Structure formats: structure tokens, C-alpha cells
C-alpha atoms as a PDB file:
ATOM      1  CA  UNK A   1    -214.718 164.242-107.088  1.00  0.00           C
ATOM      2  CA  UNK A   2    -213.182 167.567-108.024  1.00  0.00           C
ATOM      3  CA  UNK A   3    -213.543 169.035-111.501  1.00  0.00           C
ATOM      4  CA  UNK A   4    -211.098 167.418-113.909  1.00  0.00           C
ATOM      5  CA  UNK A   5    -208.574 169.649-115.651  1.00  0.00           C
ATOM      6  CA  UNK A   6    -206.420 168.927-118.666  1.00  0.00           C
ATOM      7  CA  UNK A   7    -202.673 169.321-119.114  1.00  0.00           C
ATOM      8  CA  UNK A   8    -203.061 172.821-120.583  1.00  0.00           C
ATOM      9  CA  UNK A   9    -204.848 173.940-117.406  1.00  0.00           C
ATOM     10  CA  UNK A  10    -202.025 172.571-115.244  1.00  0.00           C
ATOM     11  CA  UNK A  11    -199.369 174.290-117.369  1.00  0.00           C
ATOM     12  CA  UNK A  12    -200.977 177.675-116.612  1.00  0.00           C
ATOM     13  CA  UNK A  13    -200.108 177.327-112.914  1.00  0.00           C
ATOM     14  CA  UNK A  14    -196.620 178.603-112.092  1.00  0.00           C
ATOM     15  CA  UNK A  15    -195.485 176.805-108.928  1.00  0.00           C
ATOM     16  CA  UNK A  16    -192.052 177.667-107.562  1.00  0.00           C
ATOM     17  CA  UNK A  17    -189.821 177.111-104.553  1.00  0.00           C
ATOM     18  CA  UNK A  18    -188.728 180.029-102.389  1.00  0.00           C
ATOM     19  CA  UNK A  19    -187.055 180.709 -99.062  1.00  0.00           C
ATOM     20  CA  UNK A  20    -188.808 182.618 -96.294  1.00  0.00           C
ATOM     21  CA  UNK A  21    -186.715 185.685 -95.421  1.00  0.00           C
ATOM     22  CA  UNK A  22    -189.053 187.088 -92.799  1.00  0.00           C
ATOM     23  CA  UNK A  23    -192.263 186.183 -91.003  1.00  0.00           C
ATOM     24  CA  UNK A  24    -194.298 188.520 -88.800  1.00  0.00           C
ATOM     25  CA  UNK A  25    -197.644 188.194 -87.038  1.00  0.00           C
ATOM     26  CA  UNK A  26    -200.593 189.587 -88.995  1.00  0.00           C
ATOM     27  CA  UNK A  27    -203.111 190.721 -86.363  1.00  0.00           C
ATOM     28  CA  UNK A  28    -205.378 192.498 -88.902  1.00  0.00           C
ATOM     29  CA  UNK A  29    -206.200 189.238 -90.721  1.00  0.00           C
ATOM     30  CA  UNK A  30    -209.630 187.721 -89.997  1.00  0.00           C
ATOM     31  CA  UNK A  31    -208.089 184.350 -89.129  1.00  0.00           C
ATOM     32  CA  UNK A  32    -204.694 183.947 -87.394  1.00  0.00           C
ATOM     33  CA  UNK A  33    -201.977 184.435 -90.010  1.00  0.00           C
ATOM     34  CA  UNK A  34    -198.423 185.548 -90.684  1.00  0.00           C
ATOM     35  CA  UNK A  35    -197.069 187.965 -93.269  1.00  0.00           C
ATOM     36  CA  UNK A  36    -194.250 186.231 -95.119  1.00  0.00           C
ATOM     37  CA  UNK A  37    -191.454 187.697 -97.239  1.00  0.00           C
ATOM     38  CA  UNK A  38    -190.218 185.023 -99.649  1.00  0.00           C
ATOM     39  CA  UNK A  39    -187.176 184.989-101.956  1.00  0.00           C
ATOM     40  CA  UNK A  40    -187.946 183.350-105.304  1.00  0.00           C
ATOM     41  CA  UNK A  41    -184.460 183.884-106.773  1.00  0.00           C
ATOM     42  CA  UNK A  42    -184.683 185.266-110.328  1.00  0.00           C
ATOM     43  CA  UNK A  43    -188.399 186.029-109.840  1.00  0.00           C
ATOM     44  CA  UNK A  44    -187.588 188.366-106.968  1.00  0.00           C
ATOM     45  CA  UNK A  45    -188.990 188.771-103.495  1.00  0.00           C
ATOM     46  CA  UNK A  46    -192.721 188.419-102.916  1.00  0.00           C
ATOM     47  CA  UNK A  47    -195.035 188.738 -99.936  1.00  0.00           C
ATOM     48  CA  UNK A  48    -197.775 186.396 -98.823  1.00  0.00           C
ATOM     49  CA  UNK A  49    -200.325 186.107 -96.063  1.00  0.00           C
ATOM     50  CA  UNK A  50    -200.435 182.561 -94.717  1.00  0.00           C
ATOM     51  CA  UNK A  51    -202.739 180.970 -92.148  1.00  0.00           C
ATOM     52  CA  UNK A  52    -200.024 178.721 -90.705  1.00  0.00           C
ATOM     53  CA  UNK A  53    -199.913 179.838 -87.073  1.00  0.00           C
ATOM     54  CA  UNK A  54    -201.026 176.497 -85.618  1.00  0.00           C
ATOM     55  CA  UNK A  55    -197.892 174.499 -86.477  1.00  0.00           C
ATOM     56  CA  UNK A  56    -195.307 177.261 -87.032  1.00  0.00           C
ATOM     57  CA  UNK A  57    -193.746 180.157 -85.125  1.00  0.00           C
ATOM     58  CA  UNK A  58    -192.227 183.183 -86.860  1.00  0.00           C
ATOM     59  CA  UNK A  59    -188.773 182.154 -85.627  1.00  0.00           C
ATOM     60  CA  UNK A  60    -189.121 178.634 -87.051  1.00  0.00           C
ATOM     61  CA  UNK A  61    -190.224 179.907 -90.477  1.00  0.00           C
ATOM     62  CA  UNK A  62    -187.218 182.088 -91.276  1.00  0.00           C
ATOM     63  CA  UNK A  63    -184.925 180.230 -93.667  1.00  0.00           C
ATOM     64  CA  UNK A  64    -187.483 177.521 -94.505  1.00  0.00           C
ATOM     65  CA  UNK A  65    -188.144 176.702 -98.140  1.00  0.00           C
ATOM     66  CA  UNK A  66    -191.768 176.623 -99.277  1.00  0.00           C
ATOM     67  CA  UNK A  67    -193.747 175.887-102.417  1.00  0.00           C
ATOM     68  CA  UNK A  68    -196.015 178.628-103.794  1.00  0.00           C
ATOM     69  CA  UNK A  69    -198.107 179.584-106.780  1.00  0.00           C
ATOM     70  CA  UNK A  70    -196.544 182.783-108.117  1.00  0.00           C
ATOM     71  CA  UNK A  71    -198.813 183.732-111.019  1.00  0.00           C
ATOM     72  CA  UNK A  72    -202.012 184.678-109.203  1.00  0.00           C
ATOM     73  CA  UNK A  73    -202.784 188.397-109.270  1.00  0.00           C
ATOM     74  CA  UNK A  74    -201.996 190.201-105.989  1.00  0.00           C
ATOM     75  CA  UNK A  75    -204.787 189.937-103.418  1.00  0.00           C
ATOM     76  CA  UNK A  76    -205.538 192.585-100.812  1.00  0.00           C
ATOM     77  CA  UNK A  77    -205.888 190.922 -97.420  1.00  0.00           C
ATOM     78  CA  UNK A  78    -206.690 193.394 -94.638  1.00  0.00           C
ATOM     79  CA  UNK A  79    -204.661 196.140 -96.330  1.00  0.00           C
ATOM     80  CA  UNK A  80    -201.731 193.826 -97.185  1.00  0.00           C
ATOM     81  CA  UNK A  81    -200.872 192.830-100.769  1.00  0.00           C
ATOM     82  CA  UNK A  82    -200.414 189.055-100.911  1.00  0.00           C
ATOM     83  CA  UNK A  83    -198.415 188.336-104.093  1.00  0.00           C
ATOM     84  CA  UNK A  84    -198.272 184.542-104.056  1.00  0.00           C
ATOM     85  CA  UNK A  85    -200.111 181.572-102.571  1.00  0.00           C
ATOM     86  CA  UNK A  86    -198.034 179.387-100.257  1.00  0.00           C
ATOM     87  CA  UNK A  87    -199.164 175.755-100.529  1.00  0.00           C
ATOM     88  CA  UNK A  88    -199.897 173.370 -97.712  1.00  0.00           C
ATOM     89  CA  UNK A  89    -201.920 170.381 -96.607  1.00  0.00           C
ATOM     90  CA  UNK A  90    -204.905 170.658 -94.270  1.00  0.00           C
ATOM     91  CA  UNK A  91    -204.350 168.215 -91.418  1.00  0.00           C
ATOM     92  CA  UNK A  92    -207.087 166.443 -89.437  1.00  0.00           C
ATOM     93  CA  UNK A  93    -207.712 169.575 -87.333  1.00  0.00           C
ATOM     94  CA  UNK A  94    -207.872 171.774 -90.490  1.00  0.00           C
ATOM     95  CA  UNK A  95    -204.512 173.409 -89.691  1.00  0.00           C
ATOM     96  CA  UNK A  96    -202.039 173.902 -92.543  1.00  0.00           C
ATOM     97  CA  UNK A  97    -198.844 171.869 -92.880  1.00  0.00           C
ATOM     98  CA  UNK A  98    -196.526 173.532 -95.414  1.00  0.00           C
ATOM     99  CA  UNK A  99    -195.332 171.775 -98.549  1.00  0.00           C
ATOM    100  CA  UNK A 100    -191.533 171.877 -98.537  1.00  0.00           C
ATOM    101  CA  UNK A 101    -188.789 170.327-100.671  1.00  0.00           C
ATOM    102  CA  UNK A 102    -187.157 167.335 -99.011  1.00  0.00           C
ATOM    103  CA  UNK A 103    -183.700 168.779 -99.668  1.00  0.00           C
ATOM    104  CA  UNK A 104    -182.435 172.338-100.299  1.00  0.00           C
ATOM    105  CA  UNK A 105    -182.835 173.567-103.877  1.00  0.00           C
ATOM    106  CA  UNK A 106    -182.271 176.899-105.611  1.00  0.00           C
ATOM    107  CA  UNK A 107    -184.925 179.568-105.099  1.00  0.00           C
ATOM    108  CA  UNK A 108    -187.209 180.065-108.085  1.00  0.00           C
ATOM    109  CA  UNK A 109    -187.042 176.516-109.458  1.00  0.00           C
ATOM    110  CA  UNK A 110    -190.291 175.436-111.093  1.00  0.00           C
ATOM    111  CA  UNK A 111    -192.416 172.620-109.725  1.00  0.00           C
ATOM    112  CA  UNK A 112    -193.921 170.291-112.321  1.00  0.00           C
END
């Protein structure tokens, strides 16, 4: 079992919805990945590196809404500043399936 957290721990995590504006291959990453540009509405536009190449193509990603943690500090990944963590589910082959809202919602809305 994972370490239990309390409500105050959960409230520290800022999880928001955003729309992918652009996705490009990221050949410098150690594992296959894309560089994503994501619009979080009032929070602005942020970049992320995401290891989602197994199930998604760059063309399919543009315009898709995703769920991401937006209050991690930026992380340097192979010379690229990743500013948020896009969330997904590891499938049976350990490939990531993105978490997405079931219907369109406004960019920047908080998940809770």
C-alpha cells in the first residue's frame, strides 16, 4: 500500500485542465517523448515533456484536453524546461494513457 496522505497534503496539489496547442517529437529525451505546449487559460501557457508516444501521434494530440499538475517547480529534461506534469494511467504494457475530461471544459479549471 502507498503512503497515506491527509486532506491538507491533497490540497497542496494544483491539478488543472488544459488544451494541447502543439506537440513535437523530443529526440533528446532518454525515453521516447513529446514536447507539449499546453494552454491553461488564466494560468497561461506551459510546456511539458511527456512519454506518451506509444498511444499518441503529434497530430492526434493537438486540440486534446489533458489533466496536469501545475504547481511543481520546472524540471530540466535534456535541456528542456518542463513546467507541468501531464497525468496518465500506465496500461498493461507500461505505456501511458492520458487522463482527459469526458466533455470539453474551460482551460484552467481546477480538478478536485
